[in-house]
Structure formats: structure tokens, C-alpha cells
Amino acid sequence: MARRLLPVAVLAMVLIGVAGCRDLGPGGGQTGNKTSTVVYAITGHGTANVAYAATATQQLTRKPSVRLPWRTTVVTTDHSETVYRVTADGGSGTDCSITVNGVVVTVTRTTQHGVLDCSFVK
């Protein structure tokens, strides 16, 4: 049970920390009505518990026991600084990517206690 909650807890802590560091001066940190299309993807075999979020929305989405490979597309409102993050607990041969507006961005990949964690700061 604790292992299943680990990726969610890590993701929640990062989102809370980054949200507190955002520039909320004039305009609330927004850059207008621009949006970004974000694709979160996990490759591999089997199933994994997946969680993903962007600090722009501050909404954590959890997908338990998804079949790999897995991907989803989300449209977010741009902010001055946004952290995109996806985690996966389970599966084999897993890897991840984050694509923003059609460009695969450089991601930070870490694996700790069997949890794959990918993030990108815009």
C-alpha cells in the first residue's frame, strides 16, 4: 500500500513546492490566454499506476493499473513557470517522455524504489 502511494506523495510535494514559488505578481503569473498541449507518455510492458500533473492547473490525475504503453494529451493554460510531471509505479522496461506543443522536451528521469519519475520545468 505504501509503495502505491509513493509516486502520488512525491508528485504532490513537488506541485505544492513549485506552486509556492510561482510569480504571482501582476497578472497572477499568467502569460495571457496562451495554451500548451502536453502529451505524457509511458512506454514499457505490463501495467503501472500512473500520476501526472502540471503546476499550471495544480490538478493531480491518477490512473491506477493502466496498460503500457500509455499516453494522454492535456491542454493547459500557460503560466510564467510550469512544471510538468509524470510518475509510474510498476511495469517493466518503462521509460517516459513529455511533449509540449509537439516538441519532445528534455526531461529529468529518475527511478527510485521502482518508481519512474519524469519532469520538465518550462
C-alpha atoms as a PDB file:
ATOM      1  CA  MET A   1       0.000   0.000   0.000  1.00  0.00           C
ATOM      2  CA  ALA A   2       2.764   2.468   0.946  1.00  0.00           C
ATOM      3  CA  ARG A   3       4.583   1.746  -2.337  1.00  0.00           C
ATOM      4  CA  ARG A   4       1.475   2.651  -4.345  1.00  0.00           C
ATOM      5  CA  LEU A   5       1.170   5.982  -2.545  1.00  0.00           C
ATOM      6  CA  LEU A   6       4.843   6.926  -3.014  1.00  0.00           C
ATOM      7  CA  PRO A   7       4.587   8.372  -6.563  1.00  0.00           C
ATOM      8  CA  VAL A   8       1.456  10.314  -5.641  1.00  0.00           C
ATOM      9  CA  ALA A   9       3.068  11.705  -2.480  1.00  0.00           C
ATOM     10  CA  VAL A  10       6.247  12.735  -4.332  1.00  0.00           C
ATOM     11  CA  LEU A  11       4.254  14.406  -7.097  1.00  0.00           C
ATOM     12  CA  ALA A  12       2.012  16.240  -4.623  1.00  0.00           C
ATOM     13  CA  MET A  13       5.016  17.574  -2.684  1.00  0.00           C
ATOM     14  CA  VAL A  14       6.673  18.907  -5.842  1.00  0.00           C
ATOM     15  CA  LEU A  15       3.467  20.569  -7.034  1.00  0.00           C
ATOM     16  CA  ILE A  16       2.915  22.254  -3.679  1.00  0.00           C
ATOM     17  CA  GLY A  17       6.537  23.437  -3.529  1.00  0.00           C
ATOM     18  CA  VAL A  18       6.597  24.815  -7.063  1.00  0.00           C
ATOM     19  CA  ALA A  19       3.182  26.455  -6.697  1.00  0.00           C
ATOM     20  CA  GLY A  20       4.534  28.351  -3.704  1.00  0.00           C
ATOM     21  CA  CYS A  21       7.483  29.613  -5.780  1.00  0.00           C
ATOM     22  CA  ARG A  22       5.489  30.917  -8.738  1.00  0.00           C
ATOM     23  CA  ASP A  23       5.489  34.617  -9.537  1.00  0.00           C
ATOM     24  CA  LEU A  24       2.035  35.827  -8.590  1.00  0.00           C
ATOM     25  CA  GLY A  25       2.658  39.494  -9.299  1.00  0.00           C
ATOM     26  CA  PRO A  26       0.536  41.460 -11.762  1.00  0.00           C
ATOM     27  CA  GLY A  27      -1.477  39.038 -13.889  1.00  0.00           C
ATOM     28  CA  GLY A  28      -1.152  36.192 -11.371  1.00  0.00           C
ATOM     29  CA  GLY A  29       1.832  34.671 -13.168  1.00  0.00           C
ATOM     30  CA  GLN A  30      -0.168  34.111 -16.353  1.00  0.00           C
ATOM     31  CA  THR A  31       1.142  34.979 -19.788  1.00  0.00           C
ATOM     32  CA  GLY A  32      -2.264  35.784 -21.271  1.00  0.00           C
ATOM     33  CA  ASN A  33      -4.651  33.259 -22.738  1.00  0.00           C
ATOM     34  CA  LYS A  34      -1.988  31.123 -24.399  1.00  0.00           C
ATOM     35  CA  THR A  35      -2.308  27.379 -24.004  1.00  0.00           C
ATOM     36  CA  SER A  36       0.064  24.456 -24.306  1.00  0.00           C
ATOM     37  CA  THR A  37      -0.748  20.961 -25.499  1.00  0.00           C
ATOM     38  CA  VAL A  38       1.079  18.461 -23.306  1.00  0.00           C
ATOM     39  CA  VAL A  39       1.474  14.754 -24.065  1.00  0.00           C
ATOM     40  CA  TYR A  40       2.528  12.498 -21.193  1.00  0.00           C
ATOM     41  CA  ALA A  41       3.742   9.055 -22.297  1.00  0.00           C
ATOM     42  CA  ILE A  42       4.978   5.929 -20.514  1.00  0.00           C
ATOM     43  CA  THR A  43       6.424   3.049 -22.525  1.00  0.00           C
ATOM     44  CA  GLY A  44       7.043  -0.487 -21.339  1.00  0.00           C
ATOM     45  CA  HIS A  45       5.161  -3.711 -20.723  1.00  0.00           C
ATOM     46  CA  GLY A  46       2.539  -4.804 -18.220  1.00  0.00           C
ATOM     47  CA  THR A  47       0.602  -2.371 -16.046  1.00  0.00           C
ATOM     48  CA  ALA A  48       1.581   0.606 -13.911  1.00  0.00           C
ATOM     49  CA  ASN A  49      -0.014   3.092 -11.545  1.00  0.00           C
ATOM     50  CA  VAL A  50       0.384   6.472 -13.277  1.00  0.00           C
ATOM     51  CA  ALA A  51       0.039  10.004 -11.906  1.00  0.00           C
ATOM     52  CA  TYR A  52       0.519  13.219 -13.867  1.00  0.00           C
ATOM     53  CA  ALA A  53       0.073  16.958 -13.409  1.00  0.00           C
ATOM     54  CA  ALA A  54       1.102  20.429 -14.477  1.00  0.00           C
ATOM     55  CA  THR A  55       1.524  23.121 -11.834  1.00  0.00           C
ATOM     56  CA  ALA A  56      -0.383  25.487 -14.110  1.00  0.00           C
ATOM     57  CA  THR A  57      -3.579  23.607 -13.204  1.00  0.00           C
ATOM     58  CA  GLN A  58      -2.395  22.229  -9.857  1.00  0.00           C
ATOM     59  CA  GLN A  59      -4.600  19.211 -10.540  1.00  0.00           C
ATOM     60  CA  LEU A  60      -3.136  15.764  -9.876  1.00  0.00           C
ATOM     61  CA  THR A  61      -4.634  12.994 -12.005  1.00  0.00           C
ATOM     62  CA  ARG A  62      -4.171   9.357 -11.001  1.00  0.00           C
ATOM     63  CA  LYS A  63      -4.668   6.375 -13.280  1.00  0.00           C
ATOM     64  CA  PRO A  64      -4.372   3.044 -11.449  1.00  0.00           C
ATOM     65  CA  SER A  65      -3.313  -0.133 -13.262  1.00  0.00           C
ATOM     66  CA  VAL A  66      -3.075   1.264 -16.791  1.00  0.00           C
ATOM     67  CA  ARG A  67      -1.825  -0.961 -19.603  1.00  0.00           C
ATOM     68  CA  LEU A  68       1.544   0.039 -21.001  1.00  0.00           C
ATOM     69  CA  PRO A  69       2.376   1.672 -23.311  1.00  0.00           C
ATOM     70  CA  TRP A  70       0.204   4.578 -22.115  1.00  0.00           C
ATOM     71  CA  ARG A  71      -0.241   8.197 -23.184  1.00  0.00           C
ATOM     72  CA  THR A  72      -2.606  11.088 -22.621  1.00  0.00           C
ATOM     73  CA  THR A  73      -2.950  14.603 -24.012  1.00  0.00           C
ATOM     74  CA  VAL A  74      -3.838  17.618 -21.856  1.00  0.00           C
ATOM     75  CA  VAL A  75      -4.309  21.280 -22.785  1.00  0.00           C
ATOM     76  CA  THR A  76      -3.111  23.717 -20.100  1.00  0.00           C
ATOM     77  CA  THR A  77      -3.109  27.485 -19.734  1.00  0.00           C
ATOM     78  CA  ASP A  78       0.440  28.856 -19.844  1.00  0.00           C
ATOM     79  CA  HIS A  79       1.948  30.450 -16.751  1.00  0.00           C
ATOM     80  CA  SER A  80       5.323  32.116 -16.295  1.00  0.00           C
ATOM     81  CA  GLU A  81       6.707  28.871 -14.864  1.00  0.00           C
ATOM     82  CA  THR A  82       5.096  25.478 -15.156  1.00  0.00           C
ATOM     83  CA  VAL A  83       6.367  22.094 -14.012  1.00  0.00           C
ATOM     84  CA  TYR A  84       5.082  19.107 -15.972  1.00  0.00           C
ATOM     85  CA  ARG A  85       5.477  15.758 -14.249  1.00  0.00           C
ATOM     86  CA  VAL A  86       4.508  12.121 -14.731  1.00  0.00           C
ATOM     87  CA  THR A  87       5.248   9.137 -12.493  1.00  0.00           C
ATOM     88  CA  ALA A  88       4.793   5.393 -12.993  1.00  0.00           C
ATOM     89  CA  ASP A  89       4.942   2.642 -10.398  1.00  0.00           C
ATOM     90  CA  GLY A  90       5.100  -0.817 -11.950  1.00  0.00           C
ATOM     91  CA  GLY A  91       5.537  -2.330 -15.380  1.00  0.00           C
ATOM     92  CA  SER A  92       8.802  -3.488 -16.928  1.00  0.00           C
ATOM     93  CA  GLY A  93      11.202  -1.775 -19.298  1.00  0.00           C
ATOM     94  CA  THR A  94       9.478   1.515 -18.593  1.00  0.00           C
ATOM     95  CA  ASP A  95      10.557   4.877 -19.929  1.00  0.00           C
ATOM     96  CA  CYS A  96       8.767   8.206 -20.171  1.00  0.00           C
ATOM     97  CA  SER A  97       8.503  11.352 -22.231  1.00  0.00           C
ATOM     98  CA  ILE A  98       6.782  14.710 -22.028  1.00  0.00           C
ATOM     99  CA  THR A  99       5.931  16.591 -25.230  1.00  0.00           C
ATOM    100  CA  VAL A 100       4.914  20.264 -25.122  1.00  0.00           C
ATOM    101  CA  ASN A 101       3.360  21.789 -28.247  1.00  0.00           C
ATOM    102  CA  GLY A 102       4.694  18.996 -30.458  1.00  0.00           C
ATOM    103  CA  VAL A 103       8.273  19.153 -29.175  1.00  0.00           C
ATOM    104  CA  VAL A 104       9.704  16.383 -27.015  1.00  0.00           C
ATOM    105  CA  VAL A 105      11.237  18.352 -24.183  1.00  0.00           C
ATOM    106  CA  THR A 106      14.341  17.471 -22.237  1.00  0.00           C
ATOM    107  CA  VAL A 107      13.128  15.573 -19.227  1.00  0.00           C
ATOM    108  CA  THR A 108      14.628  14.602 -15.921  1.00  0.00           C
ATOM    109  CA  ARG A 109      14.243  10.874 -15.437  1.00  0.00           C
ATOM    110  CA  THR A 110      14.832   9.220 -12.115  1.00  0.00           C
ATOM    111  CA  THR A 111      13.971   5.815 -10.783  1.00  0.00           C
ATOM    112  CA  GLN A 112      13.787   5.336  -7.056  1.00  0.00           C
ATOM    113  CA  HIS A 113      12.249   2.346  -5.287  1.00  0.00           C
ATOM    114  CA  GLY A 114      10.865   1.145  -8.638  1.00  0.00           C
ATOM    115  CA  VAL A 115       9.070   4.437  -9.356  1.00  0.00           C
ATOM    116  CA  LEU A 116       9.795   6.152 -12.680  1.00  0.00           C
ATOM    117  CA  ASP A 117       9.624   9.944 -12.358  1.00  0.00           C
ATOM    118  CA  CYS A 118       9.849  12.390 -15.286  1.00  0.00           C
ATOM    119  CA  SER A 119       9.613  16.144 -15.094  1.00  0.00           C
ATOM    120  CA  PHE A 120      10.179  19.293 -17.133  1.00  0.00           C
ATOM    121  CA  VAL A 121      10.215  22.927 -15.970  1.00  0.00           C
ATOM    122  CA  LYS A 122       9.002  25.439 -18.544  1.00  0.00           C
END
